[in-house]
Amino acid sequence: MKILVIAEHDNNNLKGSTNSTIAAAREIGSDINVLVAGLACSNVANEVASLDGVTTVLLADDAAYENFLAEDIAKLVISIADDFEYILAPATTFGKNFLPRVSALLDSQQISEITAVLGPDTFKRPIYAGSCIATVKTLDDKKIISVRSTAFDGVNSGSAIAEVKDIASVATDGKSSFVNEELAVSDRPELTAADIVISGGRGMQSGDNFHLLDSIADKLGAAVGASRAAVDAGFVPNDYQVGQTGKIVAPDLYIAVGISGAIQHLAGINSSKIKVVINNDPEAPFFKAADYGVVGDAFDVVPRLNEKLKAFKAQNS
């Protein structure tokens, strides 16, 4: 069973979602080939080659793939798809951008966001906003799969180095072109990779009040997130959003402040190891999913927590 994994990277560094996708691939079979498509990304290819379980790295180094446009990446994958029974990609914005195109062009049903591999054709995936886990079996000859990276522990570097092979690029049709991108710059860890996440909801009342969470995050080395309600209200930018329609996170510690706990939000944080909820409504649904809960006004509890953390750091510095 030959498996193709499409690597997520930024032309300089490999994303951790790729390590997790390779881990999922290892539960399917042992012949794992990883496609690295980008521009001047040979360092990424070499990094992938050192990962445990990788058999071969396919390197497509071309300006056409610099910005990972869905149309171009999909055409490249299709050009080599005949050699593989499985095609896997992370269930991130990167994978979600091009993998449905691959599925449609190959006329093969995509299995989205798998969280477990039960067999070569049987997988588990969340449905109904994560409130249920479905066991699905595919009869397609070619299996197109996106992997929820938080459900698999990423592979590390192994003792063997896989072969890196250059492959030809595929001519683009020119129907789309890259214009620009605007990236938020932050010294804090990225949401999906953070060990600790503190998120605010509508209960924060305004964007100005998120500075209370920023102070906690700075002391804990945490990332700051938000519920969809807070994002829709304009409190914080879209890239803060955590949940089914935002970013899926699985930190060691997740702190929710002023978030009621809509099922769509819970779907994005269910894999968190410890969940702490601060809310003034004792009937908030989030308390049922929490490991620890504080019933109280966020504008009282959070400053007190901040002072306790400040004192703790002073004593241990």
Protein backbone atom coordinates (compact mmCIF):
# COMPACT_ATOMS: atom_id res chain seq x y z
CA MET A 1 0.00 0.00 0.00
CA LYS A 2 1.72 3.15 -1.20
CA ILE A 3 0.82 6.27 0.74
CA LEU A 4 1.31 9.89 -0.31
CA VAL A 5 1.42 12.59 2.36
CA ILE A 6 1.40 16.24 1.27
CA ALA A 7 3.65 18.26 3.56
CA GLU A 8 2.55 21.58 5.03
CA HIS A 9 5.34 24.14 5.34
CA ASP A 10 6.19 27.79 4.67
CA ASN A 11 9.14 27.15 2.32
CA ASN A 12 11.49 27.45 5.29
CA ASN A 13 10.07 25.37 8.12
CA LEU A 14 7.99 22.22 8.30
CA LYS A 15 4.66 22.52 10.13
CA GLY A 16 3.94 20.12 12.98
CA SER A 17 0.71 19.09 11.28
CA THR A 18 2.83 17.17 8.77
CA ASN A 19 4.49 15.13 11.52
CA SER A 20 1.05 14.18 12.83
CA THR A 21 -0.20 13.26 9.35
CA ILE A 22 2.81 11.00 8.86
CA ALA A 23 2.00 9.38 12.21
CA ALA A 24 -1.51 8.63 10.94
CA ALA A 25 -0.04 7.26 7.70
CA ARG A 26 2.18 4.89 9.68
CA GLU A 27 -0.93 3.33 11.20
CA ILE A 28 -2.13 2.54 7.66
CA GLY A 29 1.06 1.19 6.09
CA SER A 30 4.83 1.45 5.87
CA ASP A 31 5.47 2.74 2.33
CA ILE A 32 5.15 6.45 3.09
CA ASN A 33 6.08 9.02 0.46
CA VAL A 34 5.95 12.72 1.29
CA LEU A 35 5.41 15.45 -1.31
CA VAL A 36 7.16 18.74 -0.58
CA ALA A 37 5.99 21.42 -3.03
CA GLY A 38 7.21 24.99 -2.79
CA LEU A 39 10.01 27.34 -3.78
CA ALA A 40 13.59 27.03 -2.48
CA CYS A 41 12.33 24.46 -0.01
CA SER A 42 15.10 21.87 -0.16
CA ASN A 43 15.78 22.40 3.55
CA VAL A 44 12.19 21.37 4.27
CA ALA A 45 12.61 18.27 2.10
CA ASN A 46 15.75 17.31 4.02
CA GLU A 47 13.91 17.79 7.31
CA VAL A 48 11.10 15.53 6.11
CA ALA A 49 13.64 12.93 4.95
CA SER A 50 14.91 12.60 8.52
CA LEU A 51 11.48 11.83 10.00
CA ASP A 52 10.78 8.37 11.29
CA GLY A 53 8.77 6.23 8.89
CA VAL A 54 9.32 8.25 5.71
CA THR A 55 10.38 6.10 2.74
CA THR A 56 10.81 8.72 0.01
CA VAL A 57 10.53 12.50 -0.29
CA LEU A 58 9.23 13.91 -3.57
CA LEU A 59 10.47 17.46 -4.07
CA ALA A 60 8.68 19.84 -6.47
CA ASP A 61 10.72 23.03 -6.22
CA ASP A 62 9.15 25.61 -8.51
CA ALA A 63 7.92 29.20 -8.35
CA ALA A 64 4.44 27.94 -9.24
CA TYR A 65 4.16 26.41 -5.75
CA GLU A 66 5.64 29.26 -3.73
CA ASN A 67 2.27 30.37 -2.36
CA PHE A 68 0.54 26.98 -2.34
CA LEU A 69 -2.40 27.94 -4.54
CA ALA A 70 -5.04 25.22 -4.41
CA GLU A 71 -5.35 24.92 -8.18
CA ASP A 72 -1.63 24.35 -8.69
CA ILE A 73 -1.07 22.01 -5.74
CA ALA A 74 -4.11 19.93 -6.75
CA LYS A 75 -2.83 19.56 -10.34
CA LEU A 76 0.57 18.45 -9.05
CA VAL A 77 -0.98 15.85 -6.75
CA ILE A 78 -3.20 14.55 -9.57
CA SER A 79 -0.15 14.16 -11.82
CA ILE A 80 1.39 11.59 -9.47
CA ALA A 81 -1.78 10.15 -7.92
CA ASP A 82 -1.80 6.98 -10.04
CA ASP A 83 1.16 5.67 -8.06
CA PHE A 84 -0.62 5.80 -4.71
CA GLU A 85 -3.56 4.12 -3.01
CA TYR A 86 -3.77 6.68 -0.20
CA ILE A 87 -3.44 10.46 -0.34
CA LEU A 88 -3.25 12.21 3.04
CA ALA A 89 -3.03 15.85 4.06
CA PRO A 90 -3.45 17.75 7.33
CA ALA A 91 -6.98 18.94 8.09
CA THR A 92 -5.71 22.51 8.36
CA THR A 93 -6.50 25.48 6.15
CA PHE A 94 -3.67 24.23 3.93
CA GLY A 95 -5.17 20.78 3.44
CA LYS A 96 -8.76 21.99 3.32
CA ASN A 97 -7.80 24.36 0.52
CA PHE A 98 -6.69 21.80 -2.07
CA LEU A 99 -7.70 18.29 -0.95
CA PRO A 100 -11.40 18.58 -1.96
CA ARG A 101 -10.21 19.48 -5.47
CA VAL A 102 -8.09 16.35 -5.56
CA SER A 103 -11.05 14.30 -4.36
CA ALA A 104 -13.35 15.73 -7.03
CA LEU A 105 -10.85 15.33 -9.86
CA LEU A 106 -10.20 11.72 -8.89
CA ASP A 107 -13.92 11.05 -8.35
CA SER A 108 -13.15 9.58 -4.95
CA GLN A 109 -14.99 10.35 -1.71
CA GLN A 110 -12.89 12.32 0.77
CA ILE A 111 -12.81 11.15 4.40
CA SER A 112 -12.35 14.30 6.45
CA GLU A 113 -10.60 14.92 9.76
CA ILE A 114 -9.91 11.36 10.84
CA THR A 115 -8.99 10.94 14.49
CA ALA A 116 -8.16 7.22 14.49
CA VAL A 117 -7.16 4.46 12.08
CA LEU A 118 -8.96 1.16 12.72
CA GLY A 119 -7.83 -0.62 9.58
CA PRO A 120 -6.64 -0.03 6.01
CA ASP A 121 -10.14 1.12 4.99
CA THR A 122 -11.78 1.98 8.32
CA PHE A 123 -11.41 5.21 10.25
CA LYS A 124 -12.96 7.31 13.01
CA ARG A 125 -13.97 10.93 12.47
CA PRO A 126 -16.06 13.47 14.39
CA ILE A 127 -19.56 14.38 13.20
CA TYR A 128 -22.30 16.72 14.46
CA ALA A 129 -19.76 19.31 15.60
CA GLY A 130 -17.79 16.71 17.49
CA SER A 131 -20.68 15.48 19.63
CA CYS A 132 -20.45 12.04 17.99
CA ILE A 133 -17.63 9.96 16.59
CA ALA A 134 -18.46 8.05 13.41
CA THR A 135 -16.71 4.88 12.28
CA VAL A 136 -16.51 4.99 8.49
CA LYS A 137 -15.39 2.40 5.95
CA THR A 138 -14.45 3.32 2.41
CA LEU A 139 -14.76 1.09 -0.64
CA ASP A 140 -12.93 3.51 -2.96
CA ASP A 141 -9.79 2.20 -4.61
CA LYS A 142 -8.06 5.51 -3.97
CA LYS A 143 -8.52 6.89 -0.48
CA ILE A 144 -8.40 10.66 0.02
CA ILE A 145 -8.01 11.49 3.70
CA SER A 146 -7.52 14.61 5.80
CA VAL A 147 -6.04 14.11 9.25
CA ARG A 148 -6.95 16.03 12.39
CA SER A 149 -3.40 16.63 13.58
CA THR A 150 -4.32 17.06 17.24
CA ALA A 151 -5.45 13.42 17.36
CA PHE A 152 -2.04 11.95 16.47
CA ASP A 153 1.31 12.43 18.19
CA GLY A 154 3.72 13.66 15.55
CA VAL A 155 6.68 11.55 14.47
CA ASN A 156 10.21 12.63 15.33
CA SER A 157 13.51 12.30 13.54
CA GLY A 158 14.68 8.72 13.10
CA SER A 159 18.02 7.07 12.49
CA ALA A 160 17.51 6.59 8.74
CA ILE A 161 17.47 9.30 6.07
CA ALA A 162 14.96 8.86 3.24
CA GLU A 163 15.84 9.47 -0.39
CA VAL A 164 14.87 12.87 -1.80
CA LYS A 165 13.72 12.74 -5.44
CA ASP A 166 13.10 15.76 -7.65
CA ILE A 167 9.86 15.61 -9.62
CA ALA A 168 8.71 17.73 -12.52
CA SER A 169 6.31 20.60 -11.96
CA VAL A 170 2.98 20.73 -13.79
CA ALA A 171 2.03 23.60 -16.05
CA THR A 172 -0.53 25.91 -14.46
CA ASP A 173 -3.66 27.07 -16.26
CA GLY A 174 -3.21 30.68 -15.16
CA LYS A 175 -6.75 31.00 -13.83
CA SER A 176 -5.57 32.16 -10.44
CA SER A 177 -2.61 34.12 -9.17
CA PHE A 178 -1.25 35.17 -5.82
CA VAL A 179 -1.87 38.80 -4.86
CA ASN A 180 -0.69 39.25 -1.28
CA GLU A 181 -1.08 37.96 2.24
CA GLU A 182 -1.33 39.72 5.58
CA LEU A 183 0.05 37.82 8.54
CA ALA A 184 -0.44 38.69 12.19
CA VAL A 185 2.91 38.96 13.97
CA SER A 186 3.07 37.78 17.57
CA ASP A 187 5.73 36.68 20.04
CA ARG A 188 3.26 34.20 21.51
CA PRO A 189 3.04 30.58 20.33
CA GLU A 190 0.72 29.72 17.45
CA LEU A 191 -2.71 28.61 18.62
CA THR A 192 -2.64 25.09 17.21
CA ALA A 193 0.87 24.41 18.57
CA ALA A 194 0.60 26.03 22.03
CA ASP A 195 0.83 24.00 25.25
CA ILE A 196 -1.44 26.49 27.00
CA VAL A 197 -4.33 28.44 25.47
CA ILE A 198 -6.49 31.07 27.13
CA SER A 199 -9.59 32.13 25.20
CA GLY A 200 -12.19 34.82 25.72
CA GLY A 201 -15.81 34.90 24.69
CA ARG A 202 -18.68 37.33 24.49
CA GLY A 203 -18.41 37.68 28.27
CA MET A 204 -15.27 39.78 27.76
CA GLN A 205 -17.71 42.51 26.58
CA SER A 206 -15.21 44.31 24.34
CA GLY A 207 -11.91 43.91 22.56
CA ASP A 208 -10.25 46.32 24.99
CA ASN A 209 -10.84 43.85 27.81
CA PHE A 210 -8.78 41.16 26.09
CA HIS A 211 -5.70 42.81 27.61
CA LEU A 212 -6.67 40.95 30.79
CA LEU A 213 -6.11 37.67 28.95
CA ASP A 214 -2.93 39.00 27.31
CA SER A 215 -1.41 39.55 30.75
CA ILE A 216 -2.19 35.97 31.81
CA ALA A 217 -0.89 34.62 28.51
CA ASP A 218 2.42 36.46 28.88
CA LYS A 219 3.00 34.95 32.30
CA LEU A 220 2.08 31.41 31.22
CA GLY A 221 3.67 31.48 27.78
CA ALA A 222 0.21 30.84 26.36
CA ALA A 223 -1.56 31.59 23.11
CA VAL A 224 -4.70 33.74 23.12
CA GLY A 225 -7.86 32.57 21.38
CA ALA A 226 -11.51 33.51 21.22
CA SER A 227 -14.94 32.07 20.62
CA ARG A 228 -16.79 32.73 17.39
CA ALA A 229 -19.16 35.05 19.26
CA ALA A 230 -16.22 37.24 20.31
CA VAL A 231 -14.82 37.27 16.77
CA ASP A 232 -18.22 38.04 15.21
CA ALA A 233 -18.65 40.89 17.69
CA GLY A 234 -15.41 42.39 16.44
CA PHE A 235 -13.52 41.99 19.72
CA VAL A 236 -10.54 40.26 18.08
CA PRO A 237 -9.41 39.25 14.56
CA ASN A 238 -10.58 36.07 12.82
CA ASP A 239 -7.29 34.26 13.38
CA TYR A 240 -8.09 34.12 17.10
CA GLN A 241 -11.14 31.93 16.55
CA VAL A 242 -11.14 28.51 18.19
CA GLY A 243 -13.78 25.91 17.38
CA GLN A 244 -15.30 23.88 14.61
CA THR A 245 -15.22 26.81 12.18
CA GLY A 246 -11.94 28.15 13.55
CA LYS A 247 -8.80 26.44 14.77
CA ILE A 248 -8.76 23.02 16.40
CA VAL A 249 -6.52 23.05 19.48
CA ALA A 250 -5.29 20.35 21.86
CA PRO A 251 -3.16 22.07 24.51
CA ASP A 252 -2.16 20.65 27.87
CA LEU A 253 -4.22 23.43 29.48
CA TYR A 254 -7.19 25.29 28.00
CA ILE A 255 -8.66 28.23 29.93
CA ALA A 256 -12.02 29.57 28.77
CA VAL A 257 -13.08 32.97 30.07
CA GLY A 258 -16.62 34.21 29.47
CA ILE A 259 -17.40 31.43 26.97
CA SER A 260 -20.74 29.69 27.37
CA GLY A 261 -19.63 26.50 25.63
CA ALA A 262 -21.54 26.18 22.37
CA ILE A 263 -21.14 22.76 20.81
CA GLN A 264 -19.21 24.25 17.87
CA HIS A 265 -16.62 25.68 20.27
CA LEU A 266 -16.35 22.48 22.28
CA ALA A 267 -15.69 20.58 19.05
CA GLY A 268 -12.47 22.55 18.65
CA ILE A 269 -11.10 22.04 22.16
CA ASN A 270 -12.28 18.54 23.12
CA SER A 271 -8.78 17.06 22.87
CA SER A 272 -7.37 19.50 25.44
CA LYS A 273 -5.92 17.62 28.41
CA ILE A 274 -7.20 19.98 31.13
CA LYS A 275 -10.07 22.43 30.63
CA VAL A 276 -10.67 25.31 33.04
CA VAL A 277 -13.79 27.46 32.74
CA ILE A 278 -14.39 30.89 34.26
CA ASN A 279 -17.99 32.05 33.85
CA ASN A 280 -20.54 33.92 35.96
CA ASP A 281 -23.36 31.64 34.80
CA PRO A 282 -23.38 28.38 36.78
CA GLU A 283 -25.66 26.85 34.12
CA ALA A 284 -23.21 27.50 31.27
CA PRO A 285 -22.86 24.28 29.19
CA PHE A 286 -19.06 24.56 29.28
CA PHE A 287 -18.99 23.52 32.95
CA LYS A 288 -20.18 20.03 31.96
CA ALA A 289 -17.10 19.59 29.78
CA ALA A 290 -14.66 21.24 32.22
CA ASP A 291 -12.16 19.59 34.53
CA TYR A 292 -12.18 22.68 36.75
CA GLY A 293 -14.69 25.50 36.90
CA VAL A 294 -14.87 28.89 38.58
CA VAL A 295 -18.28 30.54 38.89
CA GLY A 296 -17.55 34.22 39.08
CA ASP A 297 -17.21 37.52 37.25
CA ALA A 298 -14.29 37.37 34.83
CA PHE A 299 -13.40 40.97 35.69
CA ASP A 300 -12.90 39.89 39.29
CA VAL A 301 -11.44 36.41 38.82
CA VAL A 302 -8.94 37.12 36.03
CA PRO A 303 -7.18 40.09 37.75
CA ARG A 304 -6.90 38.01 40.93
CA LEU A 305 -5.44 35.14 38.94
CA ASN A 306 -3.01 37.55 37.35
CA GLU A 307 -1.83 38.77 40.75
CA LYS A 308 -1.39 35.19 42.00
CA LEU A 309 0.69 34.33 38.93
CA LYS A 310 2.77 37.48 39.36
CA ALA A 311 3.48 36.59 42.99
CA PHE A 312 4.29 32.98 42.09
CA LYS A 313 6.76 34.05 39.41
CA ALA A 314 8.39 36.53 41.78
CA GLN A 315 8.90 33.81 44.40
CA ASN A 316 10.36 31.39 41.88
CA SER A 317 12.49 33.74 39.82
